[in-house]
Amino acid sequence: MFRLLRYYAGEKFDKTQVKSLNISRISRWTNQLLYLSRKFFHLTVSLIFLSGLFFDRDFIWLSGWLMLCIFVILEVHTLSLCIITGIFLPLFLSPNEEPHLYHLAGVAAVGVGDSVAAIYGSLYGATKWPRGKKTVEGSAAMAASIVVFLVAARPLCSAPVPSYLAIIFAALILAAIEAFTVRIDNIALPIVGYLLLH
């Protein structure tokens, strides 16, 4: 336990000093760890989606709908429902087509971009956006990660594919929307990304 506290505090202290730790500081670390673990859930769902999209689209489409229905019936946490909906939404909107880059809009925005923004912003973010908790550094990391992901996925997708300039433009728009939205970003980002890349 002491090593874990020392690791997250970034300080060196002995057992007597641990007793005097501020409870709010421990609470802040716990909240940050929970926040980061949620972002890894984004990445995991994205990897599941990607494996199905390129190997068995019909099965991943059916799996996405079944997962969504089960979550609604069981009234599972709203955030998980929004993440799954956001990642699968582009496929739900155009299921009978070959994999196009716009099918990856949910993965790019929610799975990769939002996760990278949260992790990078919480670790290295110093400049906050006006009237918000999100950082400029996190938004820049989001835009960069979306561009890298979409450019890397571009050769795997069917033609026509958007130009590099269109990909950069979409990434900047998605990062700007994510920086200034509070609750609806897991649904809004995939819809906007889908429309920009379509």
N, C-alpha and C. Protein backbone atom coordinates (compact mmCIF):
# COMPACT_ATOMS: atom_id res chain seq x y z
N MET A 1 0.83 -1.19 0.00
CA MET A 1 0.00 0.00 0.00
C MET A 1 0.87 1.25 0.00
N PHE A 2 1.94 1.22 0.82
CA PHE A 2 2.79 2.40 0.92
C PHE A 2 3.51 2.68 -0.39
N ARG A 3 3.94 1.61 -1.08
CA ARG A 3 4.60 1.81 -2.37
C ARG A 3 3.63 2.43 -3.38
N LEU A 4 2.40 1.96 -3.36
CA LEU A 4 1.39 2.51 -4.26
C LEU A 4 1.15 3.98 -3.98
N LEU A 5 1.00 4.33 -2.72
CA LEU A 5 0.82 5.74 -2.37
C LEU A 5 2.03 6.57 -2.77
N ARG A 6 3.22 6.04 -2.51
CA ARG A 6 4.43 6.76 -2.85
C ARG A 6 4.52 6.96 -4.37
N TYR A 7 4.14 5.92 -5.13
CA TYR A 7 4.19 6.02 -6.58
C TYR A 7 3.26 7.12 -7.09
N TYR A 8 2.01 7.13 -6.62
CA TYR A 8 1.05 8.11 -7.11
C TYR A 8 1.27 9.50 -6.55
N ALA A 9 1.92 9.58 -5.41
CA ALA A 9 2.19 10.91 -4.85
C ALA A 9 3.41 11.53 -5.51
N GLY A 10 4.30 10.69 -6.03
CA GLY A 10 5.51 11.22 -6.64
C GLY A 10 6.46 11.78 -5.60
N GLU A 11 6.30 11.33 -4.38
CA GLU A 11 7.14 11.83 -3.30
C GLU A 11 7.72 10.65 -2.54
N LYS A 12 8.75 10.95 -1.76
CA LYS A 12 9.32 9.93 -0.88
C LYS A 12 8.98 10.32 0.54
N PHE A 13 8.36 9.39 1.26
CA PHE A 13 8.03 9.66 2.65
C PHE A 13 7.97 8.34 3.41
N ASP A 14 8.10 8.40 4.73
CA ASP A 14 8.08 7.18 5.53
C ASP A 14 6.68 6.90 6.06
N LYS A 15 6.55 5.83 6.85
CA LYS A 15 5.24 5.38 7.32
C LYS A 15 4.57 6.40 8.24
N THR A 16 5.34 7.14 8.99
CA THR A 16 4.73 8.13 9.89
C THR A 16 4.12 9.28 9.10
N GLN A 17 4.72 9.62 7.98
CA GLN A 17 4.17 10.70 7.17
C GLN A 17 2.91 10.26 6.42
N VAL A 18 2.78 8.96 6.16
CA VAL A 18 1.59 8.46 5.47
C VAL A 18 0.35 8.74 6.31
N LYS A 19 0.48 8.63 7.63
CA LYS A 19 -0.66 8.87 8.51
C LYS A 19 -1.17 10.30 8.40
N SER A 20 -0.29 11.20 8.05
CA SER A 20 -0.70 12.60 7.98
C SER A 20 -1.12 13.04 6.58
N LEU A 21 -1.21 12.07 5.66
CA LEU A 21 -1.64 12.42 4.30
C LEU A 21 -3.05 13.00 4.33
N ASN A 22 -3.26 13.94 3.50
CA ASN A 22 -4.57 14.56 3.38
C ASN A 22 -5.53 13.60 2.66
N ILE A 23 -6.69 13.34 3.25
CA ILE A 23 -7.66 12.42 2.67
C ILE A 23 -8.13 12.90 1.30
N SER A 24 -8.23 14.19 1.12
CA SER A 24 -8.68 14.69 -0.19
C SER A 24 -7.67 14.36 -1.28
N ARG A 25 -6.40 14.30 -0.92
CA ARG A 25 -5.37 13.96 -1.91
C ARG A 25 -5.52 12.50 -2.35
N ILE A 26 -5.77 11.62 -1.39
CA ILE A 26 -5.99 10.21 -1.72
C ILE A 26 -7.25 10.07 -2.56
N SER A 27 -8.28 10.80 -2.20
CA SER A 27 -9.53 10.77 -2.96
C SER A 27 -9.31 11.24 -4.40
N ARG A 28 -8.49 12.26 -4.57
CA ARG A 28 -8.19 12.78 -5.91
C ARG A 28 -7.47 11.72 -6.74
N TRP A 29 -6.52 11.01 -6.13
CA TRP A 29 -5.80 9.94 -6.84
C TRP A 29 -6.76 8.83 -7.24
N THR A 30 -7.64 8.46 -6.32
CA THR A 30 -8.61 7.41 -6.61
C THR A 30 -9.52 7.81 -7.76
N ASN A 31 -10.01 9.03 -7.73
CA ASN A 31 -10.87 9.51 -8.81
C ASN A 31 -10.13 9.53 -10.14
N GLN A 32 -8.86 9.93 -10.12
CA GLN A 32 -8.08 9.96 -11.36
C GLN A 32 -7.86 8.55 -11.90
N LEU A 33 -7.60 7.59 -11.01
CA LEU A 33 -7.42 6.21 -11.45
C LEU A 33 -8.70 5.65 -12.05
N LEU A 34 -9.84 5.94 -11.43
CA LEU A 34 -11.12 5.49 -11.97
C LEU A 34 -11.39 6.12 -13.34
N TYR A 35 -11.06 7.39 -13.47
CA TYR A 35 -11.25 8.11 -14.73
C TYR A 35 -10.40 7.48 -15.83
N LEU A 36 -9.14 7.21 -15.52
CA LEU A 36 -8.25 6.61 -16.52
C LEU A 36 -8.67 5.19 -16.86
N SER A 37 -9.15 4.43 -15.88
CA SER A 37 -9.59 3.06 -16.17
C SER A 37 -10.82 3.07 -17.08
N ARG A 38 -11.68 4.09 -16.94
CA ARG A 38 -12.82 4.23 -17.84
C ARG A 38 -12.36 4.45 -19.28
N LYS A 39 -11.28 5.19 -19.44
CA LYS A 39 -10.78 5.45 -20.79
C LYS A 39 -10.20 4.19 -21.41
N PHE A 40 -9.66 3.29 -20.59
CA PHE A 40 -9.19 2.02 -21.12
C PHE A 40 -10.37 1.14 -21.56
N PHE A 41 -11.53 1.32 -20.94
CA PHE A 41 -12.75 0.65 -21.40
C PHE A 41 -13.09 1.13 -22.81
N HIS A 42 -12.94 2.43 -23.06
CA HIS A 42 -13.15 2.98 -24.41
C HIS A 42 -12.26 2.24 -25.41
N LEU A 43 -10.99 2.11 -25.08
CA LEU A 43 -10.03 1.47 -25.98
C LEU A 43 -10.38 0.00 -26.21
N THR A 44 -10.80 -0.69 -25.16
CA THR A 44 -11.14 -2.11 -25.27
C THR A 44 -12.34 -2.32 -26.20
N VAL A 45 -13.39 -1.55 -26.01
CA VAL A 45 -14.57 -1.67 -26.88
C VAL A 45 -14.18 -1.34 -28.32
N SER A 46 -13.29 -0.38 -28.50
CA SER A 46 -12.83 -0.01 -29.84
C SER A 46 -12.10 -1.16 -30.52
N LEU A 47 -11.25 -1.85 -29.78
CA LEU A 47 -10.51 -2.99 -30.35
C LEU A 47 -11.46 -4.12 -30.74
N ILE A 48 -12.47 -4.36 -29.92
CA ILE A 48 -13.47 -5.38 -30.27
C ILE A 48 -14.19 -5.00 -31.55
N PHE A 49 -14.58 -3.74 -31.66
CA PHE A 49 -15.27 -3.25 -32.85
C PHE A 49 -14.38 -3.41 -34.09
N LEU A 50 -13.12 -3.00 -33.99
CA LEU A 50 -12.21 -3.06 -35.14
C LEU A 50 -12.02 -4.48 -35.63
N SER A 51 -11.85 -5.42 -34.71
CA SER A 51 -11.63 -6.80 -35.13
C SER A 51 -12.84 -7.32 -35.91
N GLY A 52 -14.03 -6.97 -35.48
CA GLY A 52 -15.22 -7.42 -36.19
C GLY A 52 -15.47 -6.70 -37.49
N LEU A 53 -15.17 -5.41 -37.54
CA LEU A 53 -15.46 -4.62 -38.74
C LEU A 53 -14.71 -5.15 -39.95
N PHE A 54 -13.47 -5.52 -39.77
CA PHE A 54 -12.66 -5.95 -40.90
C PHE A 54 -12.76 -7.45 -41.19
N PHE A 55 -13.28 -8.24 -40.23
CA PHE A 55 -13.32 -9.69 -40.46
C PHE A 55 -14.74 -10.24 -40.62
N ASP A 56 -15.70 -9.70 -39.90
CA ASP A 56 -17.07 -10.19 -40.00
C ASP A 56 -18.03 -9.07 -39.62
N ARG A 57 -18.34 -8.21 -40.59
CA ARG A 57 -19.18 -7.03 -40.34
C ARG A 57 -20.57 -7.40 -39.85
N ASP A 58 -21.16 -8.43 -40.44
CA ASP A 58 -22.52 -8.80 -40.04
C ASP A 58 -22.57 -9.24 -38.59
N PHE A 59 -21.58 -10.01 -38.18
CA PHE A 59 -21.56 -10.49 -36.80
C PHE A 59 -21.33 -9.34 -35.82
N ILE A 60 -20.42 -8.44 -36.14
CA ILE A 60 -20.16 -7.33 -35.21
C ILE A 60 -21.35 -6.37 -35.18
N TRP A 61 -22.05 -6.22 -36.31
CA TRP A 61 -23.27 -5.40 -36.33
C TRP A 61 -24.32 -6.01 -35.40
N LEU A 62 -24.54 -7.32 -35.54
CA LEU A 62 -25.51 -8.01 -34.69
C LEU A 62 -25.07 -7.96 -33.22
N SER A 63 -23.80 -8.18 -32.97
CA SER A 63 -23.28 -8.13 -31.59
C SER A 63 -23.47 -6.76 -30.97
N GLY A 64 -23.22 -5.72 -31.75
CA GLY A 64 -23.40 -4.36 -31.25
C GLY A 64 -24.84 -4.08 -30.87
N TRP A 65 -25.77 -4.49 -31.73
CA TRP A 65 -27.19 -4.29 -31.43
C TRP A 65 -27.62 -5.10 -30.21
N LEU A 66 -27.17 -6.36 -30.13
CA LEU A 66 -27.53 -7.19 -28.98
C LEU A 66 -26.97 -6.62 -27.68
N MET A 67 -25.72 -6.18 -27.72
CA MET A 67 -25.12 -5.58 -26.53
C MET A 67 -25.88 -4.33 -26.11
N LEU A 68 -26.25 -3.52 -27.07
CA LEU A 68 -27.01 -2.31 -26.78
C LEU A 68 -28.37 -2.65 -26.17
N CYS A 69 -29.07 -3.63 -26.74
CA CYS A 69 -30.37 -4.03 -26.21
C CYS A 69 -30.26 -4.61 -24.80
N ILE A 70 -29.26 -5.44 -24.58
CA ILE A 70 -29.06 -6.01 -23.24
C ILE A 70 -28.77 -4.92 -22.22
N PHE A 71 -27.92 -3.97 -22.58
CA PHE A 71 -27.60 -2.87 -21.66
C PHE A 71 -28.85 -2.05 -21.34
N VAL A 72 -29.70 -1.83 -22.34
CA VAL A 72 -30.93 -1.05 -22.10
C VAL A 72 -31.87 -1.84 -21.20
N ILE A 73 -32.04 -3.13 -21.47
CA ILE A 73 -32.94 -3.95 -20.65
C ILE A 73 -32.46 -4.02 -19.20
N LEU A 74 -31.16 -4.21 -19.03
CA LEU A 74 -30.61 -4.31 -17.68
C LEU A 74 -30.39 -2.95 -17.02
N GLU A 75 -30.61 -1.90 -17.79
CA GLU A 75 -30.41 -0.53 -17.30
C GLU A 75 -29.00 -0.35 -16.74
N VAL A 76 -28.04 -0.83 -17.49
CA VAL A 76 -26.64 -0.71 -17.10
C VAL A 76 -26.25 0.76 -17.14
N HIS A 77 -25.18 1.08 -16.48
CA HIS A 77 -24.70 2.46 -16.35
C HIS A 77 -24.80 3.21 -17.68
N THR A 78 -25.35 4.40 -17.64
CA THR A 78 -25.58 5.21 -18.84
C THR A 78 -24.30 5.48 -19.61
N LEU A 79 -23.19 5.68 -18.90
CA LEU A 79 -21.93 5.98 -19.57
C LEU A 79 -21.49 4.83 -20.46
N SER A 80 -21.58 3.59 -19.96
CA SER A 80 -21.21 2.43 -20.77
C SER A 80 -22.10 2.33 -21.99
N LEU A 81 -23.37 2.60 -21.82
CA LEU A 81 -24.32 2.57 -22.93
C LEU A 81 -23.95 3.60 -23.99
N CYS A 82 -23.58 4.80 -23.55
CA CYS A 82 -23.19 5.87 -24.49
C CYS A 82 -21.90 5.53 -25.22
N ILE A 83 -20.95 4.91 -24.53
CA ILE A 83 -19.69 4.55 -25.17
C ILE A 83 -19.93 3.51 -26.26
N ILE A 84 -20.67 2.47 -25.93
CA ILE A 84 -20.95 1.42 -26.92
C ILE A 84 -21.75 1.99 -28.09
N THR A 85 -22.76 2.79 -27.79
CA THR A 85 -23.56 3.41 -28.85
C THR A 85 -22.68 4.28 -29.74
N GLY A 86 -21.83 5.09 -29.14
CA GLY A 86 -20.97 5.99 -29.90
C GLY A 86 -20.01 5.25 -30.82
N ILE A 87 -19.42 4.19 -30.32
CA ILE A 87 -18.44 3.45 -31.12
C ILE A 87 -19.13 2.70 -32.26
N PHE A 88 -20.29 2.12 -32.00
CA PHE A 88 -20.99 1.33 -33.01
C PHE A 88 -21.91 2.15 -33.91
N LEU A 89 -22.21 3.38 -33.56
CA LEU A 89 -23.18 4.20 -34.29
C LEU A 89 -22.89 4.32 -35.79
N PRO A 90 -21.66 4.60 -36.23
CA PRO A 90 -21.42 4.68 -37.68
C PRO A 90 -21.75 3.38 -38.42
N LEU A 91 -21.50 2.25 -37.78
CA LEU A 91 -21.85 0.98 -38.41
C LEU A 91 -23.36 0.79 -38.43
N PHE A 92 -24.04 1.22 -37.36
CA PHE A 92 -25.50 1.14 -37.33
C PHE A 92 -26.13 2.01 -38.42
N LEU A 93 -25.50 3.14 -38.74
CA LEU A 93 -26.04 4.06 -39.74
C LEU A 93 -25.88 3.56 -41.16
N SER A 94 -24.85 2.77 -41.43
CA SER A 94 -24.64 2.23 -42.78
C SER A 94 -24.04 0.82 -42.68
N PRO A 95 -24.87 -0.17 -42.33
CA PRO A 95 -24.36 -1.51 -42.05
C PRO A 95 -24.02 -2.36 -43.27
N ASN A 96 -24.62 -2.11 -44.40
CA ASN A 96 -24.48 -3.01 -45.54
C ASN A 96 -23.39 -2.61 -46.52
N GLU A 97 -22.45 -1.84 -46.08
CA GLU A 97 -21.39 -1.38 -46.97
C GLU A 97 -20.06 -2.00 -46.57
N GLU A 98 -19.13 -1.97 -47.51
CA GLU A 98 -17.76 -2.37 -47.19
C GLU A 98 -17.21 -1.39 -46.15
N PRO A 99 -16.19 -1.79 -45.39
CA PRO A 99 -15.64 -0.86 -44.39
C PRO A 99 -15.07 0.40 -45.04
N HIS A 100 -15.63 1.52 -44.68
CA HIS A 100 -15.14 2.82 -45.12
C HIS A 100 -14.54 3.54 -43.92
N LEU A 101 -13.84 4.61 -44.18
CA LEU A 101 -13.21 5.36 -43.10
C LEU A 101 -14.25 5.94 -42.15
N TYR A 102 -15.42 6.31 -42.67
CA TYR A 102 -16.44 6.89 -41.80
C TYR A 102 -17.01 5.86 -40.81
N HIS A 103 -16.86 4.57 -41.10
CA HIS A 103 -17.27 3.56 -40.12
C HIS A 103 -16.39 3.62 -38.87
N LEU A 104 -15.21 4.16 -39.02
CA LEU A 104 -14.27 4.24 -37.90
C LEU A 104 -14.38 5.55 -37.12
N ALA A 105 -15.36 6.37 -37.45
CA ALA A 105 -15.51 7.67 -36.77
C ALA A 105 -15.73 7.51 -35.27
N GLY A 106 -16.52 6.53 -34.86
CA GLY A 106 -16.75 6.31 -33.43
C GLY A 106 -15.51 5.85 -32.71
N VAL A 107 -14.78 4.94 -33.33
CA VAL A 107 -13.53 4.46 -32.72
C VAL A 107 -12.52 5.60 -32.65
N ALA A 108 -12.40 6.36 -33.74
CA ALA A 108 -11.43 7.46 -33.77
C ALA A 108 -11.75 8.51 -32.73
N ALA A 109 -13.03 8.89 -32.62
CA ALA A 109 -13.41 9.98 -31.71
C ALA A 109 -13.48 9.54 -30.26
N VAL A 110 -14.22 8.46 -29.99
CA VAL A 110 -14.46 8.04 -28.61
C VAL A 110 -13.39 7.08 -28.11
N GLY A 111 -13.07 6.07 -28.92
CA GLY A 111 -12.13 5.06 -28.48
C GLY A 111 -10.70 5.53 -28.40
N VAL A 112 -10.25 6.22 -29.44
CA VAL A 112 -8.85 6.66 -29.49
C VAL A 112 -8.72 8.11 -29.02
N GLY A 113 -9.40 9.02 -29.69
CA GLY A 113 -9.22 10.45 -29.42
C GLY A 113 -9.57 10.87 -28.01
N ASP A 114 -10.77 10.51 -27.55
CA ASP A 114 -11.21 10.90 -26.21
C ASP A 114 -10.33 10.26 -25.14
N SER A 115 -9.94 9.01 -25.35
CA SER A 115 -9.07 8.33 -24.38
C SER A 115 -7.70 8.98 -24.30
N VAL A 116 -7.11 9.24 -25.44
CA VAL A 116 -5.79 9.88 -25.46
C VAL A 116 -5.87 11.28 -24.87
N ALA A 117 -6.93 12.02 -25.19
CA ALA A 117 -7.10 13.37 -24.64
C ALA A 117 -7.16 13.33 -23.12
N ALA A 118 -7.93 12.39 -22.58
CA ALA A 118 -8.07 12.30 -21.13
C ALA A 118 -6.76 11.91 -20.45
N ILE A 119 -6.10 10.91 -21.00
CA ILE A 119 -4.86 10.44 -20.38
C ILE A 119 -3.77 11.49 -20.51
N TYR A 120 -3.56 12.00 -21.71
CA TYR A 120 -2.50 13.00 -21.92
C TYR A 120 -2.82 14.29 -21.17
N GLY A 121 -4.07 14.72 -21.22
CA GLY A 121 -4.46 15.95 -20.54
C GLY A 121 -4.31 15.86 -19.03
N SER A 122 -4.64 14.70 -18.45
CA SER A 122 -4.50 14.57 -16.99
C SER A 122 -3.05 14.45 -16.57
N LEU A 123 -2.20 13.92 -17.43
CA LEU A 123 -0.78 13.79 -17.07
C LEU A 123 0.04 15.04 -17.39
N TYR A 124 -0.22 15.66 -18.53
CA TYR A 124 0.63 16.76 -18.98
C TYR A 124 -0.10 18.08 -19.20
N GLY A 125 -1.41 18.08 -19.04
CA GLY A 125 -2.19 19.29 -19.31
C GLY A 125 -1.93 20.38 -18.29
N ALA A 126 -1.64 21.56 -18.78
CA ALA A 126 -1.38 22.71 -17.91
C ALA A 126 -2.30 23.88 -18.23
N THR A 127 -2.67 24.02 -19.49
CA THR A 127 -3.47 25.16 -19.93
C THR A 127 -4.92 24.75 -20.08
N LYS A 128 -5.78 25.25 -19.22
CA LYS A 128 -7.21 24.91 -19.26
C LYS A 128 -7.92 25.77 -20.29
N TRP A 129 -8.93 25.17 -20.94
CA TRP A 129 -9.80 25.94 -21.81
C TRP A 129 -10.65 26.86 -20.96
N PRO A 130 -11.04 28.03 -21.49
CA PRO A 130 -11.91 28.93 -20.71
C PRO A 130 -13.22 28.22 -20.35
N ARG A 131 -13.66 28.41 -19.13
CA ARG A 131 -14.91 27.84 -18.62
C ARG A 131 -14.98 26.33 -18.76
N GLY A 132 -13.90 25.66 -18.44
CA GLY A 132 -13.93 24.21 -18.53
C GLY A 132 -12.80 23.56 -17.76
N LYS A 133 -12.88 22.25 -17.63
CA LYS A 133 -11.84 21.49 -16.94
C LYS A 133 -10.85 20.87 -17.91
N LYS A 134 -11.18 20.84 -19.17
CA LYS A 134 -10.34 20.18 -20.16
C LYS A 134 -9.18 21.08 -20.55
N THR A 135 -8.09 20.44 -21.01
CA THR A 135 -6.87 21.20 -21.30
C THR A 135 -6.60 21.30 -22.79
N VAL A 136 -5.88 22.34 -23.15
CA VAL A 136 -5.48 22.55 -24.54
C VAL A 136 -4.57 21.41 -24.99
N GLU A 137 -3.69 20.97 -24.10
CA GLU A 137 -2.76 19.88 -24.43
C GLU A 137 -3.52 18.58 -24.71
N GLY A 138 -4.55 18.32 -23.92
CA GLY A 138 -5.37 17.13 -24.15
C GLY A 138 -6.10 17.20 -25.48
N SER A 139 -6.60 18.39 -25.82
CA SER A 139 -7.29 18.56 -27.11
C SER A 139 -6.33 18.38 -28.28
N ALA A 140 -5.12 18.91 -28.14
CA ALA A 140 -4.12 18.74 -29.21
C ALA A 140 -3.75 17.27 -29.36
N ALA A 141 -3.61 16.57 -28.23
CA ALA A 141 -3.31 15.14 -28.28
C ALA A 141 -4.45 14.36 -28.94
N MET A 142 -5.67 14.79 -28.66
CA MET A 142 -6.83 14.14 -29.28
C MET A 142 -6.80 14.30 -30.80
N ALA A 143 -6.62 15.53 -31.26
CA ALA A 143 -6.58 15.78 -32.70
C ALA A 143 -5.46 14.99 -33.37
N ALA A 144 -4.29 14.99 -32.75
CA ALA A 144 -3.15 14.26 -33.32
C ALA A 144 -3.41 12.76 -33.37
N SER A 145 -3.99 12.21 -32.30
CA SER A 145 -4.24 10.77 -32.27
C SER A 145 -5.31 10.36 -33.28
N ILE A 146 -6.31 11.21 -33.48
CA ILE A 146 -7.34 10.91 -34.48
C ILE A 146 -6.72 10.90 -35.88
N VAL A 147 -5.88 11.89 -36.16
CA VAL A 147 -5.22 11.95 -37.48
C VAL A 147 -4.36 10.71 -37.69
N VAL A 148 -3.55 10.36 -36.71
CA VAL A 148 -2.67 9.18 -36.84
C VAL A 148 -3.50 7.92 -37.05
N PHE A 149 -4.55 7.75 -36.26
CA PHE A 149 -5.39 6.56 -36.37
C PHE A 149 -6.06 6.47 -37.74
N LEU A 150 -6.67 7.56 -38.19
CA LEU A 150 -7.39 7.53 -39.47
C LEU A 150 -6.44 7.38 -40.66
N VAL A 151 -5.28 8.01 -40.59
CA VAL A 151 -4.30 7.85 -41.67
C VAL A 151 -3.79 6.41 -41.71
N ALA A 152 -3.58 5.81 -40.53
CA ALA A 152 -3.13 4.41 -40.49
C ALA A 152 -4.22 3.46 -40.99
N ALA A 153 -5.48 3.78 -40.73
CA ALA A 153 -6.59 2.92 -41.15
C ALA A 153 -6.99 3.14 -42.60
N ARG A 154 -6.56 4.23 -43.18
CA ARG A 154 -6.97 4.61 -44.54
C ARG A 154 -6.71 3.52 -45.58
N PRO A 155 -5.54 2.87 -45.59
CA PRO A 155 -5.30 1.83 -46.60
C PRO A 155 -6.19 0.59 -46.43
N LEU A 156 -6.74 0.38 -45.23
CA LEU A 156 -7.56 -0.79 -44.97
C LEU A 156 -9.01 -0.61 -45.39
N CYS A 157 -9.38 0.62 -45.71
CA CYS A 157 -10.78 0.94 -46.00
C CYS A 157 -11.03 0.99 -47.50
N SER A 158 -12.30 0.80 -47.86
CA SER A 158 -12.71 0.83 -49.26
C SER A 158 -12.71 2.25 -49.78
N ALA A 159 -12.51 2.37 -51.09
CA ALA A 159 -12.55 3.68 -51.74
C ALA A 159 -13.99 4.14 -51.85
N PRO A 160 -14.29 5.37 -51.91
CA PRO A 160 -13.38 6.51 -51.84
C PRO A 160 -13.03 6.84 -50.39
N VAL A 161 -11.80 7.22 -50.19
CA VAL A 161 -11.36 7.62 -48.85
C VAL A 161 -11.15 9.13 -48.82
N PRO A 162 -11.43 9.75 -47.69
CA PRO A 162 -11.23 11.20 -47.59
C PRO A 162 -9.75 11.57 -47.75
N SER A 163 -9.51 12.78 -48.20
CA SER A 163 -8.13 13.26 -48.35
C SER A 163 -7.51 13.47 -46.98
N TYR A 164 -6.19 13.64 -46.97
CA TYR A 164 -5.49 13.91 -45.71
C TYR A 164 -5.96 15.22 -45.10
N LEU A 165 -6.22 16.20 -45.94
CA LEU A 165 -6.71 17.49 -45.44
C LEU A 165 -8.08 17.33 -44.78
N ALA A 166 -8.95 16.52 -45.37
CA ALA A 166 -10.28 16.28 -44.78
C ALA A 166 -10.15 15.56 -43.43
N ILE A 167 -9.20 14.65 -43.32
CA ILE A 167 -8.96 13.94 -42.06
C ILE A 167 -8.48 14.91 -40.99
N ILE A 168 -7.54 15.79 -41.34
CA ILE A 168 -7.04 16.78 -40.38
C ILE A 168 -8.15 17.73 -39.96
N PHE A 169 -8.95 18.18 -40.92
CA PHE A 169 -10.07 19.07 -40.61
C PHE A 169 -11.06 18.39 -39.65
N ALA A 170 -11.41 17.14 -39.94
CA ALA A 170 -12.33 16.40 -39.08
C ALA A 170 -11.76 16.24 -37.68
N ALA A 171 -10.48 15.94 -37.58
CA ALA A 171 -9.84 15.77 -36.26
C ALA A 171 -9.87 17.06 -35.46
N LEU A 172 -9.62 18.19 -36.10
CA LEU A 172 -9.65 19.48 -35.40
C LEU A 172 -11.06 19.82 -34.93
N ILE A 173 -12.05 19.57 -35.78
CA ILE A 173 -13.45 19.83 -35.40
C ILE A 173 -13.85 18.94 -34.23
N LEU A 174 -13.50 17.66 -34.29
CA LEU A 174 -13.84 16.74 -33.21
C LEU A 174 -13.17 17.14 -31.90
N ALA A 175 -11.91 17.56 -31.96
CA ALA A 175 -11.21 18.00 -30.75
C ALA A 175 -11.85 19.25 -30.16
N ALA A 176 -12.29 20.16 -31.02
CA ALA A 176 -12.94 21.38 -30.54
C ALA A 176 -14.29 21.06 -29.89
N ILE A 177 -15.05 20.17 -30.50
CA ILE A 177 -16.34 19.79 -29.91
C ILE A 177 -16.13 19.10 -28.57
N GLU A 178 -15.16 18.21 -28.50
CA GLU A 178 -14.89 17.50 -27.25
C GLU A 178 -14.45 18.44 -26.15
N ALA A 179 -13.71 19.48 -26.51
CA ALA A 179 -13.20 20.42 -25.51
C ALA A 179 -14.32 21.21 -24.85
N PHE A 180 -15.41 21.42 -25.55
CA PHE A 180 -16.45 22.30 -25.01
C PHE A 180 -17.78 21.61 -24.71
N THR A 181 -17.85 20.29 -24.88
CA THR A 181 -19.07 19.57 -24.47
C THR A 181 -18.82 18.89 -23.14
N VAL A 182 -19.90 18.71 -22.40
CA VAL A 182 -19.74 18.14 -21.06
C VAL A 182 -20.22 16.69 -21.02
N ARG A 183 -21.45 16.44 -21.38
CA ARG A 183 -22.03 15.12 -21.19
C ARG A 183 -22.27 14.33 -22.48
N ILE A 184 -22.49 14.99 -23.57
CA ILE A 184 -22.97 14.30 -24.77
C ILE A 184 -21.86 13.95 -25.76
N ASP A 185 -20.61 14.08 -25.37
CA ASP A 185 -19.54 13.89 -26.34
C ASP A 185 -19.43 12.46 -26.87
N ASN A 186 -19.78 11.46 -26.08
CA ASN A 186 -19.67 10.08 -26.56
C ASN A 186 -20.66 9.76 -27.68
N ILE A 187 -21.72 10.55 -27.81
CA ILE A 187 -22.68 10.38 -28.90
C ILE A 187 -22.46 11.42 -29.99
N ALA A 188 -22.21 12.66 -29.60
CA ALA A 188 -22.06 13.76 -30.57
C ALA A 188 -20.82 13.58 -31.44
N LEU A 189 -19.71 13.18 -30.85
CA LEU A 189 -18.46 13.06 -31.62
C LEU A 189 -18.57 12.03 -32.75
N PRO A 190 -19.08 10.82 -32.51
CA PRO A 190 -19.20 9.88 -33.63
C PRO A 190 -20.14 10.35 -34.74
N ILE A 191 -21.23 11.03 -34.36
CA ILE A 191 -22.16 11.53 -35.39
C ILE A 191 -21.47 12.58 -36.25
N VAL A 192 -20.81 13.54 -35.61
CA VAL A 192 -20.11 14.59 -36.36
C VAL A 192 -18.98 13.99 -37.19
N GLY A 193 -18.21 13.08 -36.60
CA GLY A 193 -17.13 12.43 -37.34
C GLY A 193 -17.64 11.66 -38.54
N TYR A 194 -18.74 10.95 -38.36
CA TYR A 194 -19.36 10.20 -39.46
C TYR A 194 -19.75 11.14 -40.59
N LEU A 195 -20.39 12.25 -40.25
CA LEU A 195 -20.82 13.21 -41.27
C LEU A 195 -19.63 13.87 -41.96
N LEU A 196 -18.59 14.20 -41.21
CA LEU A 196 -17.42 14.86 -41.81
C LEU A 196 -16.63 13.92 -42.71
N LEU A 197 -16.59 12.64 -42.38
CA LEU A 197 -15.80 11.69 -43.16
C LEU A 197 -16.61 11.01 -44.26
N HIS A 198 -17.91 11.18 -44.26
CA HIS A 198 -18.78 10.52 -45.25
C HIS A 198 -18.70 11.23 -46.58
